[in-house]
Amino acid sequence: MQSFKNLINRMRWKPDRGIVQIQTSDDGLEAIWEDGRIETMKWSEVDRVFTYKVDCYAYDVILLAFERHGHDEVLHIREETEGFQDLMSALPNAFPELDAEWYFKVMQPAFAENLTVLFERK
């Protein structure tokens, strides 16, 4: 687990390169970056889905992250990203084994990272 945390720290969400909008479909999602770039991701190429929180001093930000086969970059999606609620609704269909209560579990306790793997392809 420590090597996994080290990997996450190297690829940590960077506020200056954020995804500003997510559009989901039955096959995957489109991520629209603040620089206008559009990136597509198919559910079938996802190797791992994890969640964690970032302590922003006065509040926490919950993120979903997707590791994809054949991609070096991990997609980190903040909860305030437009379309995040639609993404949360799409996850149970895309990954049926995912714990439906994941969001509430990562919320507590406050200000703790709570890194949790939600899905891992065998």
PDB file of N, CA and C in Angstrom:
ATOM      1  N   MET A   1       0.829  -1.190   0.000  1.00  0.00           N
ATOM      2  CA  MET A   1       0.000   0.000   0.000  1.00  0.00           C
ATOM      3  C   MET A   1       0.877   1.258   0.000  1.00  0.00           C
ATOM      4  N   GLN A   2       2.049   1.224   0.632  1.00  0.00           N
ATOM      5  CA  GLN A   2       2.921   2.398   0.663  1.00  0.00           C
ATOM      6  C   GLN A   2       3.400   2.768  -0.736  1.00  0.00           C
ATOM      7  N   SER A   3       3.728   1.766  -1.560  1.00  0.00           N
ATOM      8  CA  SER A   3       4.163   2.082  -2.927  1.00  0.00           C
ATOM      9  C   SER A   3       3.015   2.696  -3.718  1.00  0.00           C
ATOM     10  N   PHE A   4       1.791   2.266  -3.454  1.00  0.00           N
ATOM     11  CA  PHE A   4       0.623   2.844  -4.105  1.00  0.00           C
ATOM     12  C   PHE A   4       0.465   4.307  -3.674  1.00  0.00           C
ATOM     13  N   LYS A   5       0.646   4.600  -2.392  1.00  0.00           N
ATOM     14  CA  LYS A   5       0.565   5.983  -1.912  1.00  0.00           C
ATOM     15  C   LYS A   5       1.663   6.844  -2.529  1.00  0.00           C
ATOM     16  N   ASN A   6       2.860   6.283  -2.689  1.00  0.00           N
ATOM     17  CA  ASN A   6       3.937   7.033  -3.326  1.00  0.00           C
ATOM     18  C   ASN A   6       3.586   7.366  -4.775  1.00  0.00           C
ATOM     19  N   LEU A   7       2.978   6.413  -5.483  1.00  0.00           N
ATOM     20  CA  LEU A   7       2.542   6.648  -6.845  1.00  0.00           C
ATOM     21  C   LEU A   7       1.519   7.779  -6.885  1.00  0.00           C
ATOM     22  N   ILE A   8       0.572   7.754  -5.981  1.00  0.00           N
ATOM     23  CA  ILE A   8      -0.465   8.785  -5.926  1.00  0.00           C
ATOM     24  C   ILE A   8       0.167  10.150  -5.663  1.00  0.00           C
ATOM     25  N   ASN A   9       1.104  10.213  -4.757  1.00  0.00           N
ATOM     26  CA  ASN A   9       1.758  11.484  -4.444  1.00  0.00           C
ATOM     27  C   ASN A   9       2.478  12.063  -5.651  1.00  0.00           C
ATOM     28  N   ARG A  10       3.054  11.225  -6.491  1.00  0.00           N
ATOM     29  CA  ARG A  10       3.742  11.708  -7.692  1.00  0.00           C
ATOM     30  C   ARG A  10       2.759  12.212  -8.742  1.00  0.00           C
ATOM     31  N   MET A  11       1.553  11.641  -8.766  1.00  0.00           N
ATOM     32  CA  MET A  11       0.577  12.002  -9.783  1.00  0.00           C
ATOM     33  C   MET A  11      -0.574  12.815  -9.208  1.00  0.00           C
ATOM     34  N   ARG A  12      -0.357  13.387  -8.047  1.00  0.00           N
ATOM     35  CA  ARG A  12      -1.389  14.111  -7.309  1.00  0.00           C
ATOM     36  C   ARG A  12      -2.053  15.191  -8.154  1.00  0.00           C
ATOM     37  N   TRP A  13      -3.307  15.403  -7.887  1.00  0.00           N
ATOM     38  CA  TRP A  13      -4.084  16.450  -8.536  1.00  0.00           C
ATOM     39  C   TRP A  13      -3.345  17.767  -8.445  1.00  0.00           C
ATOM     40  N   LYS A  14      -3.287  18.483  -9.554  1.00  0.00           N
ATOM     41  CA  LYS A  14      -2.629  19.785  -9.606  1.00  0.00           C
ATOM     42  C   LYS A  14      -3.699  20.834  -9.917  1.00  0.00           C
ATOM     43  N   PRO A  15      -3.924  21.781  -9.022  1.00  0.00           N
ATOM     44  CA  PRO A  15      -5.019  22.738  -9.211  1.00  0.00           C
ATOM     45  C   PRO A  15      -4.905  23.569 -10.487  1.00  0.00           C
ATOM     46  N   ASP A  16      -3.707  23.722 -11.039  1.00  0.00           N
ATOM     47  CA  ASP A  16      -3.546  24.533 -12.236  1.00  0.00           C
ATOM     48  C   ASP A  16      -3.823  23.753 -13.513  1.00  0.00           C
ATOM     49  N   ARG A  17      -4.093  22.462 -13.437  1.00  0.00           N
ATOM     50  CA  ARG A  17      -4.336  21.649 -14.630  1.00  0.00           C
ATOM     51  C   ARG A  17      -5.641  20.888 -14.511  1.00  0.00           C
ATOM     52  N   GLY A  18      -6.646  21.464 -13.910  1.00  0.00           N
ATOM     53  CA  GLY A  18      -7.847  20.732 -13.570  1.00  0.00           C
ATOM     54  C   GLY A  18      -8.810  20.448 -14.702  1.00  0.00           C
ATOM     55  N   ILE A  19      -9.599  19.435 -14.472  1.00  0.00           N
ATOM     56  CA  ILE A  19     -10.713  19.099 -15.347  1.00  0.00           C
ATOM     57  C   ILE A  19     -11.888  19.955 -14.877  1.00  0.00           C
ATOM     58  N   VAL A  20     -12.527  20.660 -15.799  1.00  0.00           N
ATOM     59  CA  VAL A  20     -13.605  21.572 -15.419  1.00  0.00           C
ATOM     60  C   VAL A  20     -14.997  21.009 -15.703  1.00  0.00           C
ATOM     61  N   GLN A  21     -15.071  19.983 -16.552  1.00  0.00           N
ATOM     62  CA  GLN A  21     -16.376  19.403 -16.862  1.00  0.00           C
ATOM     63  C   GLN A  21     -16.218  17.939 -17.246  1.00  0.00           C
ATOM     64  N   ILE A  22     -17.202  17.142 -16.823  1.00  0.00           N
ATOM     65  CA  ILE A  22     -17.253  15.715 -17.151  1.00  0.00           C
ATOM     66  C   ILE A  22     -18.587  15.434 -17.827  1.00  0.00           C
ATOM     67  N   GLN A  23     -18.539  14.664 -18.895  1.00  0.00           N
ATOM     68  CA  GLN A  23     -19.748  14.191 -19.551  1.00  0.00           C
ATOM     69  C   GLN A  23     -19.654  12.676 -19.624  1.00  0.00           C
ATOM     70  N   THR A  24     -20.632  11.992 -19.055  1.00  0.00           N
ATOM     71  CA  THR A  24     -20.597  10.530 -19.021  1.00  0.00           C
ATOM     72  C   THR A  24     -21.518   9.933 -20.080  1.00  0.00           C
ATOM     73  N   SER A  25     -21.200   8.692 -20.441  1.00  0.00           N
ATOM     74  CA  SER A  25     -22.043   7.909 -21.348  1.00  0.00           C
ATOM     75  C   SER A  25     -22.006   6.464 -20.866  1.00  0.00           C
ATOM     76  N   ASP A  26     -22.722   5.593 -21.545  1.00  0.00           N
ATOM     77  CA  ASP A  26     -22.701   4.172 -21.185  1.00  0.00           C
ATOM     78  C   ASP A  26     -21.316   3.567 -21.378  1.00  0.00           C
ATOM     79  N   ASP A  27     -20.526   4.117 -22.306  1.00  0.00           N
ATOM     80  CA  ASP A  27     -19.215   3.570 -22.640  1.00  0.00           C
ATOM     81  C   ASP A  27     -18.059   4.167 -21.851  1.00  0.00           C
ATOM     82  N   GLY A  28     -18.242   5.370 -21.293  1.00  0.00           N
ATOM     83  CA  GLY A  28     -17.143   6.028 -20.604  1.00  0.00           C
ATOM     84  C   GLY A  28     -17.437   7.472 -20.315  1.00  0.00           C
ATOM     85  N   LEU A  29     -16.413   8.305 -20.428  1.00  0.00           N
ATOM     86  CA  LEU A  29     -16.597   9.720 -20.137  1.00  0.00           C
ATOM     87  C   LEU A  29     -15.712  10.578 -21.026  1.00  0.00           C
ATOM     88  N   GLU A  30     -16.083  11.841 -21.097  1.00  0.00           N
ATOM     89  CA  GLU A  30     -15.272  12.871 -21.714  1.00  0.00           C
ATOM     90  C   GLU A  30     -14.901  13.850 -20.624  1.00  0.00           C
ATOM     91  N   ALA A  31     -13.617  14.160 -20.511  1.00  0.00           N
ATOM     92  CA  ALA A  31     -13.128  15.143 -19.561  1.00  0.00           C
ATOM     93  C   ALA A  31     -12.722  16.384 -20.335  1.00  0.00           C
ATOM     94  N   ILE A  32     -13.256  17.518 -19.953  1.00  0.00           N
ATOM     95  CA  ILE A  32     -12.902  18.782 -20.584  1.00  0.00           C
ATOM     96  C   ILE A  32     -12.002  19.530 -19.614  1.00  0.00           C
ATOM     97  N   TRP A  33     -10.779  19.792 -20.052  1.00  0.00           N
ATOM     98  CA  TRP A  33      -9.772  20.446 -19.227  1.00  0.00           C
ATOM     99  C   TRP A  33      -9.909  21.956 -19.327  1.00  0.00           C
ATOM    100  N   GLU A  34      -9.370  22.672 -18.343  1.00  0.00           N
ATOM    101  CA  GLU A  34      -9.490  24.126 -18.342  1.00  0.00           C
ATOM    102  C   GLU A  34      -8.783  24.782 -19.528  1.00  0.00           C
ATOM    103  N   ASP A  35      -7.851  24.082 -20.155  1.00  0.00           N
ATOM    104  CA  ASP A  35      -7.190  24.634 -21.338  1.00  0.00           C
ATOM    105  C   ASP A  35      -7.958  24.307 -22.630  1.00  0.00           C
ATOM    106  N   GLY A  36      -9.145  23.684 -22.497  1.00  0.00           N
ATOM    107  CA  GLY A  36      -9.993  23.374 -23.646  1.00  0.00           C
ATOM    108  C   GLY A  36      -9.787  21.995 -24.231  1.00  0.00           C
ATOM    109  N   ARG A  37      -8.751  21.306 -23.784  1.00  0.00           N
ATOM    110  CA  ARG A  37      -8.479  19.954 -24.289  1.00  0.00           C
ATOM    111  C   ARG A  37      -9.607  19.018 -23.857  1.00  0.00           C
ATOM    112  N   ILE A  38      -9.983  18.105 -24.742  1.00  0.00           N
ATOM    113  CA  ILE A  38     -11.002  17.099 -24.431  1.00  0.00           C
ATOM    114  C   ILE A  38     -10.342  15.737 -24.460  1.00  0.00           C
ATOM    115  N   GLU A  39     -10.546  14.983 -23.390  1.00  0.00           N
ATOM    116  CA  GLU A  39      -9.954  13.649 -23.276  1.00  0.00           C
ATOM    117  C   GLU A  39     -11.074  12.645 -23.062  1.00  0.00           C
ATOM    118  N   THR A  40     -11.054  11.562 -23.812  1.00  0.00           N
ATOM    119  CA  THR A  40     -12.066  10.520 -23.645  1.00  0.00           C
ATOM    120  C   THR A  40     -11.460   9.327 -22.913  1.00  0.00           C
ATOM    121  N   MET A  41     -12.308   8.657 -22.183  1.00  0.00           N
ATOM    122  CA  MET A  41     -11.890   7.468 -21.441  1.00  0.00           C
ATOM    123  C   MET A  41     -13.030   6.451 -21.513  1.00  0.00           C
ATOM    124  N   LYS A  42     -12.714   5.248 -21.925  1.00  0.00           N
ATOM    125  CA  LYS A  42     -13.706   4.162 -21.940  1.00  0.00           C
ATOM    126  C   LYS A  42     -13.628   3.410 -20.614  1.00  0.00           C
ATOM    127  N   TRP A  43     -14.775   3.009 -20.104  1.00  0.00           N
ATOM    128  CA  TRP A  43     -14.802   2.235 -18.848  1.00  0.00           C
ATOM    129  C   TRP A  43     -13.942   0.984 -18.994  1.00  0.00           C
ATOM    130  N   SER A  44     -13.928   0.392 -20.179  1.00  0.00           N
ATOM    131  CA  SER A  44     -13.191  -0.858 -20.385  1.00  0.00           C
ATOM    132  C   SER A  44     -11.673  -0.692 -20.259  1.00  0.00           C
ATOM    133  N   GLU A  45     -11.147   0.525 -20.363  1.00  0.00           N
ATOM    134  CA  GLU A  45      -9.704   0.725 -20.237  1.00  0.00           C
ATOM    135  C   GLU A  45      -9.267   1.087 -18.817  1.00  0.00           C
ATOM    136  N   VAL A  46     -10.220   1.173 -17.894  1.00  0.00           N
ATOM    137  CA  VAL A  46      -9.893   1.536 -16.511  1.00  0.00           C
ATOM    138  C   VAL A  46      -9.345   0.320 -15.775  1.00  0.00           C
ATOM    139  N   ASP A  47      -8.154   0.472 -15.221  1.00  0.00           N
ATOM    140  CA  ASP A  47      -7.533  -0.586 -14.416  1.00  0.00           C
ATOM    141  C   ASP A  47      -7.827  -0.414 -12.935  1.00  0.00           C
ATOM    142  N   ARG A  48      -7.932   0.832 -12.481  1.00  0.00           N
ATOM    143  CA  ARG A  48      -8.152   1.097 -11.053  1.00  0.00           C
ATOM    144  C   ARG A  48      -8.910   2.408 -10.886  1.00  0.00           C
ATOM    145  N   VAL A  49      -9.864   2.395  -9.955  1.00  0.00           N
ATOM    146  CA  VAL A  49     -10.577   3.606  -9.551  1.00  0.00           C
ATOM    147  C   VAL A  49     -10.306   3.777  -8.069  1.00  0.00           C
ATOM    148  N   PHE A  50      -9.905   4.971  -7.679  1.00  0.00           N
ATOM    149  CA  PHE A  50      -9.714   5.229  -6.258  1.00  0.00           C
ATOM    150  C   PHE A  50     -10.222   6.617  -5.918  1.00  0.00           C
ATOM    151  N   THR A  51     -10.404   6.841  -4.635  1.00  0.00           N
ATOM    152  CA  THR A  51     -10.882   8.119  -4.133  1.00  0.00           C
ATOM    153  C   THR A  51     -10.007   8.546  -2.971  1.00  0.00           C
ATOM    154  N   TYR A  52      -9.959   9.828  -2.751  1.00  0.00           N
ATOM    155  CA  TYR A  52      -9.207  10.389  -1.629  1.00  0.00           C
ATOM    156  C   TYR A  52      -9.674  11.819  -1.403  1.00  0.00           C
ATOM    157  N   LYS A  53      -9.233  12.391  -0.298  1.00  0.00           N
ATOM    158  CA  LYS A  53      -9.556  13.776   0.013  1.00  0.00           C
ATOM    159  C   LYS A  53      -8.278  14.593   0.088  1.00  0.00           C
ATOM    160  N   VAL A  54      -8.408  15.860  -0.273  1.00  0.00           N
ATOM    161  CA  VAL A  54      -7.331  16.826  -0.122  1.00  0.00           C
ATOM    162  C   VAL A  54      -7.781  17.835   0.920  1.00  0.00           C
ATOM    163  N   ASP A  55      -6.953  18.043   1.926  1.00  0.00           N
ATOM    164  CA  ASP A  55      -7.228  19.011   2.985  1.00  0.00           C
ATOM    165  C   ASP A  55      -6.895  20.403   2.461  1.00  0.00           C
ATOM    166  N   CYS A  56      -7.891  21.251   2.357  1.00  0.00           N
ATOM    167  CA  CYS A  56      -7.698  22.625   1.885  1.00  0.00           C
ATOM    168  C   CYS A  56      -7.794  23.613   3.047  1.00  0.00           C
ATOM    169  N   TYR A  57      -7.396  23.175   4.218  1.00  0.00           N
ATOM    170  CA  TYR A  57      -7.342  23.942   5.466  1.00  0.00           C
ATOM    171  C   TYR A  57      -8.713  24.189   6.072  1.00  0.00           C
ATOM    172  N   ALA A  58      -9.626  24.855   5.384  1.00  0.00           N
ATOM    173  CA  ALA A  58     -10.947  25.123   5.947  1.00  0.00           C
ATOM    174  C   ALA A  58     -11.997  24.121   5.478  1.00  0.00           C
ATOM    175  N   TYR A  59     -11.664  23.338   4.481  1.00  0.00           N
ATOM    176  CA  TYR A  59     -12.599  22.360   3.927  1.00  0.00           C
ATOM    177  C   TYR A  59     -11.807  21.264   3.235  1.00  0.00           C
ATOM    178  N   ASP A  60     -12.487  20.175   2.911  1.00  0.00           N
ATOM    179  CA  ASP A  60     -11.896  19.060   2.170  1.00  0.00           C
ATOM    180  C   ASP A  60     -12.439  19.052   0.743  1.00  0.00           C
ATOM    181  N   VAL A  61     -11.650  18.526  -0.170  1.00  0.00           N
ATOM    182  CA  VAL A  61     -12.105  18.276  -1.535  1.00  0.00           C
ATOM    183  C   VAL A  61     -11.955  16.786  -1.780  1.00  0.00           C
ATOM    184  N   ILE A  62     -13.051  16.138  -2.157  1.00  0.00           N
ATOM    185  CA  ILE A  62     -13.038  14.712  -2.482  1.00  0.00           C
ATOM    186  C   ILE A  62     -12.770  14.575  -3.972  1.00  0.00           C
ATOM    187  N   LEU A  63     -11.905  13.621  -4.310  1.00  0.00           N
ATOM    188  CA  LEU A  63     -11.571  13.373  -5.701  1.00  0.00           C
ATOM    189  C   LEU A  63     -11.775  11.914  -6.055  1.00  0.00           C
ATOM    190  N   LEU A  64     -12.144  11.690  -7.294  1.00  0.00           N
ATOM    191  CA  LEU A  64     -12.140  10.360  -7.903  1.00  0.00           C
ATOM    192  C   LEU A  64     -10.969  10.330  -8.859  1.00  0.00           C
ATOM    193  N   ALA A  65     -10.276   9.216  -8.919  1.00  0.00           N
ATOM    194  CA  ALA A  65      -9.137   9.099  -9.815  1.00  0.00           C
ATOM    195  C   ALA A  65      -9.235   7.785 -10.579  1.00  0.00           C
ATOM    196  N   PHE A  66      -8.796   7.839 -11.832  1.00  0.00           N
ATOM    197  CA  PHE A  66      -8.883   6.692 -12.728  1.00  0.00           C
ATOM    198  C   PHE A  66      -7.512   6.408 -13.314  1.00  0.00           C
ATOM    199  N   GLU A  67      -7.007   5.200 -13.072  1.00  0.00           N
ATOM    200  CA  GLU A  67      -5.792   4.705 -13.729  1.00  0.00           C
ATOM    201  C   GLU A  67      -6.256   3.901 -14.932  1.00  0.00           C
ATOM    202  N   ARG A  68      -5.613   4.149 -16.086  1.00  0.00           N
ATOM    203  CA  ARG A  68      -6.041   3.500 -17.319  1.00  0.00           C
ATOM    204  C   ARG A  68      -4.909   2.717 -17.941  1.00  0.00           C
ATOM    205  N   HIS A  69      -5.258   1.590 -18.509  1.00  0.00           N
ATOM    206  CA  HIS A  69      -4.290   0.752 -19.213  1.00  0.00           C
ATOM    207  C   HIS A  69      -3.711   1.543 -20.392  1.00  0.00           C
ATOM    208  N   GLY A  70      -2.390   1.585 -20.467  1.00  0.00           N
ATOM    209  CA  GLY A  70      -1.733   2.256 -21.572  1.00  0.00           C
ATOM    210  C   GLY A  70      -1.591   3.759 -21.438  1.00  0.00           C
ATOM    211  N   HIS A  71      -1.943   4.322 -20.286  1.00  0.00           N
ATOM    212  CA  HIS A  71      -1.834   5.763 -20.062  1.00  0.00           C
ATOM    213  C   HIS A  71      -0.968   6.021 -18.829  1.00  0.00           C
ATOM    214  N   ASP A  72      -0.051   6.955 -18.938  1.00  0.00           N
ATOM    215  CA  ASP A  72       0.785   7.317 -17.798  1.00  0.00           C
ATOM    216  C   ASP A  72       0.061   8.251 -16.842  1.00  0.00           C
ATOM    217  N   GLU A  73      -0.779   9.120 -17.381  1.00  0.00           N
ATOM    218  CA  GLU A  73      -1.463  10.110 -16.567  1.00  0.00           C
ATOM    219  C   GLU A  73      -2.723   9.527 -15.939  1.00  0.00           C
ATOM    220  N   VAL A  74      -2.901   9.800 -14.657  1.00  0.00           N
ATOM    221  CA  VAL A  74      -4.106   9.407 -13.928  1.00  0.00           C
ATOM    222  C   VAL A  74      -5.084  10.569 -13.996  1.00  0.00           C
ATOM    223  N   LEU A  75      -6.359  10.285 -14.293  1.00  0.00           N
ATOM    224  CA  LEU A  75      -7.375  11.336 -14.282  1.00  0.00           C
ATOM    225  C   LEU A  75      -7.846  11.552 -12.853  1.00  0.00           C
ATOM    226  N   HIS A  76      -7.697  12.762 -12.342  1.00  0.00           N
ATOM    227  CA  HIS A  76      -8.162  13.143 -11.008  1.00  0.00           C
ATOM    228  C   HIS A  76      -9.311  14.112 -11.202  1.00  0.00           C
ATOM    229  N   ILE A  77     -10.488  13.768 -10.680  1.00  0.00           N
ATOM    230  CA  ILE A  77     -11.682  14.580 -10.888  1.00  0.00           C
ATOM    231  C   ILE A  77     -12.210  15.048  -9.542  1.00  0.00           C
ATOM    232  N   ARG A  78     -12.249  16.377  -9.365  1.00  0.00           N
ATOM    233  CA  ARG A  78     -12.716  16.985  -8.119  1.00  0.00           C
ATOM    234  C   ARG A  78     -14.236  16.926  -8.026  1.00  0.00           C
ATOM    235  N   GLU A  79     -14.737  16.872  -6.802  1.00  0.00           N
ATOM    236  CA  GLU A  79     -16.180  16.783  -6.598  1.00  0.00           C
ATOM    237  C   GLU A  79     -16.925  18.029  -7.057  1.00  0.00           C
ATOM    238  N   GLU A  80     -16.260  19.171  -7.139  1.00  0.00           N
ATOM    239  CA  GLU A  80     -16.949  20.384  -7.599  1.00  0.00           C
ATOM    240  C   GLU A  80     -16.925  20.536  -9.115  1.00  0.00           C
ATOM    241  N   THR A  81     -16.341  19.573  -9.817  1.00  0.00           N
ATOM    242  CA  THR A  81     -16.305  19.595 -11.275  1.00  0.00           C
ATOM    243  C   THR A  81     -17.718  19.428 -11.821  1.00  0.00           C
ATOM    244  N   GLU A  82     -18.064  20.243 -12.805  1.00  0.00           N
ATOM    245  CA  GLU A  82     -19.370  20.129 -13.442  1.00  0.00           C
ATOM    246  C   GLU A  82     -19.524  18.724 -14.020  1.00  0.00           C
ATOM    247  N   GLY A  83     -20.613  18.050 -13.680  1.00  0.00           N
ATOM    248  CA  GLY A  83     -20.867  16.694 -14.146  1.00  0.00           C
ATOM    249  C   GLY A  83     -20.450  15.612 -13.155  1.00  0.00           C
ATOM    250  N   PHE A  84     -19.883  16.004 -12.009  1.00  0.00           N
ATOM    251  CA  PHE A  84     -19.427  15.012 -11.031  1.00  0.00           C
ATOM    252  C   PHE A  84     -20.589  14.154 -10.516  1.00  0.00           C
ATOM    253  N   GLN A  85     -21.741  14.766 -10.286  1.00  0.00           N
ATOM    254  CA  GLN A  85     -22.901  13.995  -9.813  1.00  0.00           C
ATOM    255  C   GLN A  85     -23.337  12.969 -10.850  1.00  0.00           C
ATOM    256  N   ASP A  86     -23.291  13.337 -12.126  1.00  0.00           N
ATOM    257  CA  ASP A  86     -23.607  12.378 -13.193  1.00  0.00           C
ATOM    258  C   ASP A  86     -22.580  11.252 -13.228  1.00  0.00           C
ATOM    259  N   LEU A  87     -21.312  11.597 -12.989  1.00  0.00           N
ATOM    260  CA  LEU A  87     -20.260  10.585 -12.920  1.00  0.00           C
ATOM    261  C   LEU A  87     -20.531   9.616 -11.777  1.00  0.00           C
ATOM    262  N   MET A  88     -20.901  10.147 -10.612  1.00  0.00           N
ATOM    263  CA  MET A  88     -21.218   9.279  -9.466  1.00  0.00           C
ATOM    264  C   MET A  88     -22.374   8.333  -9.801  1.00  0.00           C
ATOM    265  N   SER A  89     -23.355   8.836 -10.537  1.00  0.00           N
ATOM    266  CA  SER A  89     -24.503   8.006 -10.928  1.00  0.00           C
ATOM    267  C   SER A  89     -24.117   6.941 -11.946  1.00  0.00           C
ATOM    268  N   ALA A  90     -23.120   7.231 -12.790  1.00  0.00           N
ATOM    269  CA  ALA A  90     -22.702   6.288 -13.831  1.00  0.00           C
ATOM    270  C   ALA A  90     -21.812   5.172 -13.289  1.00  0.00           C
ATOM    271  N   LEU A  91     -21.109   5.422 -12.190  1.00  0.00           N
ATOM    272  CA  LEU A  91     -20.141   4.437 -11.689  1.00  0.00           C
ATOM    273  C   LEU A  91     -20.734   3.072 -11.362  1.00  0.00           C
ATOM    274  N   PRO A  92     -21.890   2.972 -10.701  1.00  0.00           N
ATOM    275  CA  PRO A  92     -22.427   1.633 -10.395  1.00  0.00           C
ATOM    276  C   PRO A  92     -22.717   0.784 -11.635  1.00  0.00           C
ATOM    277  N   ASN A  93     -23.111   1.421 -12.731  1.00  0.00           N
ATOM    278  CA  ASN A  93     -23.343   0.674 -13.972  1.00  0.00           C
ATOM    279  C   ASN A  93     -22.033   0.250 -14.613  1.00  0.00           C
ATOM    280  N   ALA A  94     -21.043   1.119 -14.552  1.00  0.00           N
ATOM    281  CA  ALA A  94     -19.749   0.825 -15.166  1.00  0.00           C
ATOM    282  C   ALA A  94     -18.945  -0.185 -14.353  1.00  0.00           C
ATOM    283  N   PHE A  95     -19.060  -0.111 -13.033  1.00  0.00           N
ATOM    284  CA  PHE A  95     -18.287  -0.956 -12.115  1.00  0.00           C
ATOM    285  C   PHE A  95     -19.231  -1.492 -11.026  1.00  0.00           C
ATOM    286  N   PRO A  96     -20.012  -2.534 -11.325  1.00  0.00           N
ATOM    287  CA  PRO A  96     -21.032  -3.022 -10.388  1.00  0.00           C
ATOM    288  C   PRO A  96     -20.486  -3.428  -9.014  1.00  0.00           C
ATOM    289  N   GLU A  97     -19.213  -3.818  -8.930  1.00  0.00           N
ATOM    290  CA  GLU A  97     -18.657  -4.252  -7.650  1.00  0.00           C
ATOM    291  C   GLU A  97     -18.246  -3.093  -6.750  1.00  0.00           C
ATOM    292  N   LEU A  98     -18.349  -1.879  -7.238  1.00  0.00           N
ATOM    293  CA  LEU A  98     -17.973  -0.685  -6.493  1.00  0.00           C
ATOM    294  C   LEU A  98     -18.945  -0.460  -5.338  1.00  0.00           C
ATOM    295  N   ASP A  99     -18.446  -0.134  -4.159  1.00  0.00           N
ATOM    296  CA  ASP A  99     -19.262   0.115  -2.974  1.00  0.00           C
ATOM    297  C   ASP A  99     -20.112   1.368  -3.190  1.00  0.00           C
ATOM    298  N   ALA A 100     -21.411   1.230  -3.152  1.00  0.00           N
ATOM    299  CA  ALA A 100     -22.326   2.348  -3.397  1.00  0.00           C
ATOM    300  C   ALA A 100     -22.206   3.455  -2.343  1.00  0.00           C
ATOM    301  N   GLU A 101     -21.672   3.150  -1.191  1.00  0.00           N
ATOM    302  CA  GLU A 101     -21.546   4.127  -0.106  1.00  0.00           C
ATOM    303  C   GLU A 101     -20.157   4.769  -0.051  1.00  0.00           C
ATOM    304  N   TRP A 102     -19.351   4.638  -1.094  1.00  0.00           N
ATOM    305  CA  TRP A 102     -17.966   5.110  -1.062  1.00  0.00           C
ATOM    306  C   TRP A 102     -17.844   6.586  -0.709  1.00  0.00           C
ATOM    307  N   TYR A 103     -18.718   7.420  -1.236  1.00  0.00           N
ATOM    308  CA  TYR A 103     -18.603   8.864  -1.018  1.00  0.00           C
ATOM    309  C   TYR A 103     -18.752   9.213   0.460  1.00  0.00           C
ATOM    310  N   PHE A 104     -19.711   8.587   1.105  1.00  0.00           N
ATOM    311  CA  PHE A 104     -19.954   8.872   2.521  1.00  0.00           C
ATOM    312  C   PHE A 104     -18.834   8.327   3.398  1.00  0.00           C
ATOM    313  N   LYS A 105     -18.235   7.230   2.977  1.00  0.00           N
ATOM    314  CA  LYS A 105     -17.135   6.645   3.743  1.00  0.00           C
ATOM    315  C   LYS A 105     -15.865   7.483   3.642  1.00  0.00           C
ATOM    316  N   VAL A 106     -15.595   8.057   2.477  1.00  0.00           N
ATOM    317  CA  VAL A 106     -14.376   8.862   2.329  1.00  0.00           C
ATOM    318  C   VAL A 106     -14.535  10.237   2.998  1.00  0.00           C
ATOM    319  N   MET A 107     -15.754  10.661   3.240  1.00  0.00           N
ATOM    320  CA  MET A 107     -16.000  11.960   3.878  1.00  0.00           C
ATOM    321  C   MET A 107     -15.474  12.019   5.313  1.00  0.00           C
ATOM    322  N   GLN A 108     -15.560  10.925   6.033  1.00  0.00           N
ATOM    323  CA  GLN A 108     -15.236  10.916   7.463  1.00  0.00           C
ATOM    324  C   GLN A 108     -14.000  10.086   7.740  1.00  0.00           C
ATOM    325  N   PRO A 109     -13.153  10.477   8.648  1.00  0.00           N
ATOM    326  CA  PRO A 109     -13.209  11.738   9.398  1.00  0.00           C
ATOM    327  C   PRO A 109     -12.729  12.903   8.533  1.00  0.00           C
ATOM    328  N   ALA A 110     -13.134  14.076   8.939  1.00  0.00           N
ATOM    329  CA  ALA A 110     -12.755  15.290   8.218  1.00  0.00           C
ATOM    330  C   ALA A 110     -11.235  15.452   8.204  1.00  0.00           C
ATOM    331  N   PHE A 111     -10.723  15.984   7.112  1.00  0.00           N
ATOM    332  CA  PHE A 111      -9.315  16.347   6.917  1.00  0.00           C
ATOM    333  C   PHE A 111      -8.357  15.156   6.861  1.00  0.00           C
ATOM    334  N   ALA A 112      -8.879  13.944   6.829  1.00  0.00           N
ATOM    335  CA  ALA A 112      -8.044  12.756   6.642  1.00  0.00           C
ATOM    336  C   ALA A 112      -8.073  12.403   5.153  1.00  0.00           C
ATOM    337  N   GLU A 113      -6.954  11.956   4.611  1.00  0.00           N
ATOM    338  CA  GLU A 113      -6.872  11.645   3.184  1.00  0.00           C
ATOM    339  C   GLU A 113      -7.836  10.533   2.769  1.00  0.00           C
ATOM    340  N   ASN A 114      -7.953   9.496   3.580  1.00  0.00           N
ATOM    341  CA  ASN A 114      -8.878   8.378   3.331  1.00  0.00           C
ATOM    342  C   ASN A 114      -8.725   7.762   1.938  1.00  0.00           C
ATOM    343  N   LEU A 115      -7.521   7.582   1.497  1.00  0.00           N
ATOM    344  CA  LEU A 115      -7.265   6.947   0.209  1.00  0.00           C
ATOM    345  C   LEU A 115      -7.896   5.558   0.194  1.00  0.00           C
ATOM    346  N   THR A 116      -8.782   5.334  -0.772  1.00  0.00           N
ATOM    347  CA  THR A 116      -9.522   4.080  -0.862  1.00  0.00           C
ATOM    348  C   THR A 116      -9.582   3.612  -2.306  1.00  0.00           C
ATOM    349  N   VAL A 117      -9.194   2.381  -2.555  1.00  0.00           N
ATOM    350  CA  VAL A 117      -9.337   1.787  -3.877  1.00  0.00           C
ATOM    351  C   VAL A 117     -10.784   1.300  -3.996  1.00  0.00           C
ATOM    352  N   LEU A 118     -11.479   1.774  -5.009  1.00  0.00           N
ATOM    353  CA  LEU A 118     -12.883   1.409  -5.207  1.00  0.00           C
ATOM    354  C   LEU A 118     -13.060   0.265  -6.192  1.00  0.00           C
ATOM    355  N   PHE A 119     -12.138   0.177  -7.140  1.00  0.00           N
ATOM    356  CA  PHE A 119     -12.211  -0.872  -8.164  1.00  0.00           C
ATOM    357  C   PHE A 119     -10.796  -1.149  -8.632  1.00  0.00           C
ATOM    358  N   GLU A 120     -10.501  -2.437  -8.837  1.00  0.00           N
ATOM    359  CA  GLU A 120      -9.214  -2.814  -9.398  1.00  0.00           C
ATOM    360  C   GLU A 120      -9.440  -4.005 -10.313  1.00  0.00           C
ATOM    361  N   ARG A 121      -9.054  -3.838 -11.567  1.00  0.00           N
ATOM    362  CA  ARG A 121      -9.225  -4.917 -12.541  1.00  0.00           C
ATOM    363  C   ARG A 121      -8.261  -6.045 -12.212  1.00  0.00           C
ATOM    364  N   LYS A 122      -8.775  -7.241 -12.191  1.00  0.00           N
ATOM    365  CA  LYS A 122      -7.951  -8.416 -11.852  1.00  0.00           C
ATOM    366  C   LYS A 122      -7.163  -8.846 -13.056  1.00  0.00           C
TER     367      LYS A 122
END
